[in-house]
Amino acid sequence: MDSQTVLSLLADTDRQHIIVELLENGGRSNVGVLSQQLAARQRNDADELELERAKLELHHNHLPRLADHGVIEYDQRTGDVVLREVIELEPYLNNITRKRTVPLDP
């Protein structure tokens, strides 16, 4: 994978968060857990609308994009997500992206 592709994949903070979440959980997760994590990033107390929006973004944007580049395997039927290859992404995943913070509501 060339550096332009890597930067494009990591340009979105949600995709960074997905990769970090997978790294921190043994390389496995599912759409339900990831959507809760992404919705919680927006607000500490995610409502149903935010959760549904996060699921749609995962299903139609982030997970297919990461799967197309061989970073993950995504089973749309079960919702399972498995981290495949991040060796090419590692140099770009600095300490900031490895630290998960949930923004506080003002």
C-alpha atoms as a PDB file:
ATOM      1  CA  MET A   1       0.000   0.000   0.000  1.00  0.00           C
ATOM      2  CA  ASP A   2       1.459   3.349  -0.962  1.00  0.00           C
ATOM      3  CA  SER A   3       1.710   6.268   1.479  1.00  0.00           C
ATOM      4  CA  GLN A   4      -1.047   8.206  -0.324  1.00  0.00           C
ATOM      5  CA  THR A   5      -3.497   5.345   0.280  1.00  0.00           C
ATOM      6  CA  VAL A   6      -2.432   4.978   3.909  1.00  0.00           C
ATOM      7  CA  LEU A   7      -2.879   8.693   4.525  1.00  0.00           C
ATOM      8  CA  SER A   8      -6.274   8.597   2.825  1.00  0.00           C
ATOM      9  CA  LEU A   9      -7.402   5.712   5.048  1.00  0.00           C
ATOM     10  CA  LEU A  10      -6.164   7.409   8.209  1.00  0.00           C
ATOM     11  CA  ALA A  11      -7.404  10.877   7.273  1.00  0.00           C
ATOM     12  CA  ASP A  12     -10.710  10.100   8.953  1.00  0.00           C
ATOM     13  CA  THR A  13     -10.574   9.991  12.757  1.00  0.00           C
ATOM     14  CA  ASP A  14     -13.359   7.396  12.861  1.00  0.00           C
ATOM     15  CA  ARG A  15     -11.216   4.987  10.842  1.00  0.00           C
ATOM     16  CA  GLN A  16      -8.271   5.705  13.142  1.00  0.00           C
ATOM     17  CA  HIS A  17     -10.516   4.915  16.082  1.00  0.00           C
ATOM     18  CA  ILE A  18     -11.682   1.654  14.487  1.00  0.00           C
ATOM     19  CA  ILE A  19      -8.108   0.491  13.998  1.00  0.00           C
ATOM     20  CA  VAL A  20      -7.093   1.469  17.522  1.00  0.00           C
ATOM     21  CA  GLU A  21     -10.174  -0.261  18.952  1.00  0.00           C
ATOM     22  CA  LEU A  22      -9.246  -3.439  17.086  1.00  0.00           C
ATOM     23  CA  LEU A  23      -5.612  -3.223  18.196  1.00  0.00           C
ATOM     24  CA  GLU A  24      -6.682  -2.832  21.817  1.00  0.00           C
ATOM     25  CA  ASN A  25      -9.114  -5.777  21.671  1.00  0.00           C
ATOM     26  CA  GLY A  26      -7.092  -8.576  20.187  1.00  0.00           C
ATOM     27  CA  GLY A  27      -7.877  -7.667  16.592  1.00  0.00           C
ATOM     28  CA  ARG A  28     -11.577  -8.585  16.814  1.00  0.00           C
ATOM     29  CA  SER A  29     -14.798  -6.691  17.276  1.00  0.00           C
ATOM     30  CA  ASN A  30     -18.224  -6.329  15.715  1.00  0.00           C
ATOM     31  CA  VAL A  31     -20.367  -3.603  14.213  1.00  0.00           C
ATOM     32  CA  GLY A  32     -22.452  -3.232  17.396  1.00  0.00           C
ATOM     33  CA  VAL A  33     -19.447  -2.536  19.617  1.00  0.00           C
ATOM     34  CA  LEU A  34     -17.716  -0.317  17.070  1.00  0.00           C
ATOM     35  CA  SER A  35     -20.861   1.730  16.446  1.00  0.00           C
ATOM     36  CA  GLN A  36     -21.267   2.294  20.193  1.00  0.00           C
ATOM     37  CA  GLN A  37     -17.651   3.411  20.403  1.00  0.00           C
ATOM     38  CA  LEU A  38     -17.981   5.799  17.461  1.00  0.00           C
ATOM     39  CA  ALA A  39     -21.265   7.241  18.719  1.00  0.00           C
ATOM     40  CA  ALA A  40     -19.754   7.728  22.188  1.00  0.00           C
ATOM     41  CA  ARG A  41     -16.870   9.688  20.664  1.00  0.00           C
ATOM     42  CA  GLN A  42     -19.370  12.343  19.607  1.00  0.00           C
ATOM     43  CA  ARG A  43     -21.036  12.532  23.009  1.00  0.00           C
ATOM     44  CA  ASN A  44     -20.573  10.736  26.290  1.00  0.00           C
ATOM     45  CA  ASP A  45     -24.217   9.626  26.197  1.00  0.00           C
ATOM     46  CA  ALA A  46     -24.999   8.532  22.641  1.00  0.00           C
ATOM     47  CA  ASP A  47     -28.672   8.401  21.711  1.00  0.00           C
ATOM     48  CA  GLU A  48     -30.352   5.996  19.280  1.00  0.00           C
ATOM     49  CA  LEU A  49     -30.033   8.366  16.317  1.00  0.00           C
ATOM     50  CA  GLU A  50     -26.280   8.757  16.812  1.00  0.00           C
ATOM     51  CA  LEU A  51     -25.916   4.998  17.229  1.00  0.00           C
ATOM     52  CA  GLU A  52     -27.823   4.321  14.009  1.00  0.00           C
ATOM     53  CA  ARG A  53     -25.789   6.941  12.154  1.00  0.00           C
ATOM     54  CA  ALA A  54     -22.563   5.320  13.386  1.00  0.00           C
ATOM     55  CA  LYS A  55     -23.771   1.878  12.227  1.00  0.00           C
ATOM     56  CA  LEU A  56     -24.592   3.243   8.780  1.00  0.00           C
ATOM     57  CA  GLU A  57     -21.194   4.946   8.479  1.00  0.00           C
ATOM     58  CA  LEU A  58     -19.460   1.739   9.490  1.00  0.00           C
ATOM     59  CA  HIS A  59     -21.465  -0.466   7.147  1.00  0.00           C
ATOM     60  CA  HIS A  60     -21.451   1.780   4.073  1.00  0.00           C
ATOM     61  CA  ASN A  61     -18.188   3.690   4.396  1.00  0.00           C
ATOM     62  CA  HIS A  62     -15.474   2.833   6.903  1.00  0.00           C
ATOM     63  CA  LEU A  63     -15.526  -0.973   7.057  1.00  0.00           C
ATOM     64  CA  PRO A  64     -15.796  -1.571   3.280  1.00  0.00           C
ATOM     65  CA  ARG A  65     -13.008   0.926   2.670  1.00  0.00           C
ATOM     66  CA  LEU A  66     -10.705  -0.740   5.216  1.00  0.00           C
ATOM     67  CA  ALA A  67     -11.646  -4.190   3.863  1.00  0.00           C
ATOM     68  CA  ASP A  68     -10.955  -3.152   0.260  1.00  0.00           C
ATOM     69  CA  HIS A  69      -7.379  -2.318   1.274  1.00  0.00           C
ATOM     70  CA  GLY A  70      -6.825  -5.529   3.218  1.00  0.00           C
ATOM     71  CA  VAL A  71      -6.670  -3.862   6.630  1.00  0.00           C
ATOM     72  CA  ILE A  72      -9.671  -5.792   7.985  1.00  0.00           C
ATOM     73  CA  GLU A  73     -12.019  -8.616   7.138  1.00  0.00           C
ATOM     74  CA  TYR A  74     -15.647  -7.626   7.482  1.00  0.00           C
ATOM     75  CA  ASP A  75     -18.478 -10.148   7.445  1.00  0.00           C
ATOM     76  CA  GLN A  76     -21.581  -8.132   6.589  1.00  0.00           C
ATOM     77  CA  ARG A  77     -23.853 -11.035   7.483  1.00  0.00           C
ATOM     78  CA  THR A  78     -22.621 -11.443  11.082  1.00  0.00           C
ATOM     79  CA  GLY A  79     -21.159  -7.962  11.624  1.00  0.00           C
ATOM     80  CA  ASP A  80     -17.810  -9.434  12.694  1.00  0.00           C
ATOM     81  CA  VAL A  81     -14.697  -7.361  12.079  1.00  0.00           C
ATOM     82  CA  VAL A  82     -11.193  -8.851  12.191  1.00  0.00           C
ATOM     83  CA  LEU A  83      -7.969  -6.885  11.886  1.00  0.00           C
ATOM     84  CA  ARG A  84      -5.787  -8.321   9.117  1.00  0.00           C
ATOM     85  CA  GLU A  85      -2.743  -6.250   8.287  1.00  0.00           C
ATOM     86  CA  VAL A  86      -1.621  -3.013   9.890  1.00  0.00           C
ATOM     87  CA  ILE A  87       2.135  -3.278   9.413  1.00  0.00           C
ATOM     88  CA  GLU A  88       1.974  -0.646   6.666  1.00  0.00           C
ATOM     89  CA  LEU A  89      -0.153   1.614   8.870  1.00  0.00           C
ATOM     90  CA  GLU A  90       1.989   1.290  12.015  1.00  0.00           C
ATOM     91  CA  PRO A  91       4.394   4.155  11.200  1.00  0.00           C
ATOM     92  CA  TYR A  92       1.402   6.471  10.828  1.00  0.00           C
ATOM     93  CA  LEU A  93      -0.338   5.395  14.029  1.00  0.00           C
ATOM     94  CA  ASN A  94       1.419   7.655  16.459  1.00  0.00           C
ATOM     95  CA  ASN A  95       0.865   7.973  20.196  1.00  0.00           C
ATOM     96  CA  ILE A  96      -1.997  10.401  19.676  1.00  0.00           C
ATOM     97  CA  THR A  97      -4.117   7.924  17.717  1.00  0.00           C
ATOM     98  CA  ARG A  98      -3.332   5.152  20.197  1.00  0.00           C
ATOM     99  CA  LYS A  99      -4.761   7.171  23.097  1.00  0.00           C
ATOM    100  CA  ARG A 100      -8.526   6.961  23.166  1.00  0.00           C
ATOM    101  CA  THR A 101     -10.351   9.915  24.627  1.00  0.00           C
ATOM    102  CA  VAL A 102     -14.025  10.595  24.694  1.00  0.00           C
ATOM    103  CA  PRO A 103     -14.754  14.319  24.449  1.00  0.00           C
ATOM    104  CA  LEU A 104     -16.759  15.746  27.292  1.00  0.00           C
ATOM    105  CA  ASP A 105     -19.967  17.600  26.637  1.00  0.00           C
ATOM    106  CA  PRO A 106     -19.626  21.359  27.183  1.00  0.00           C
END
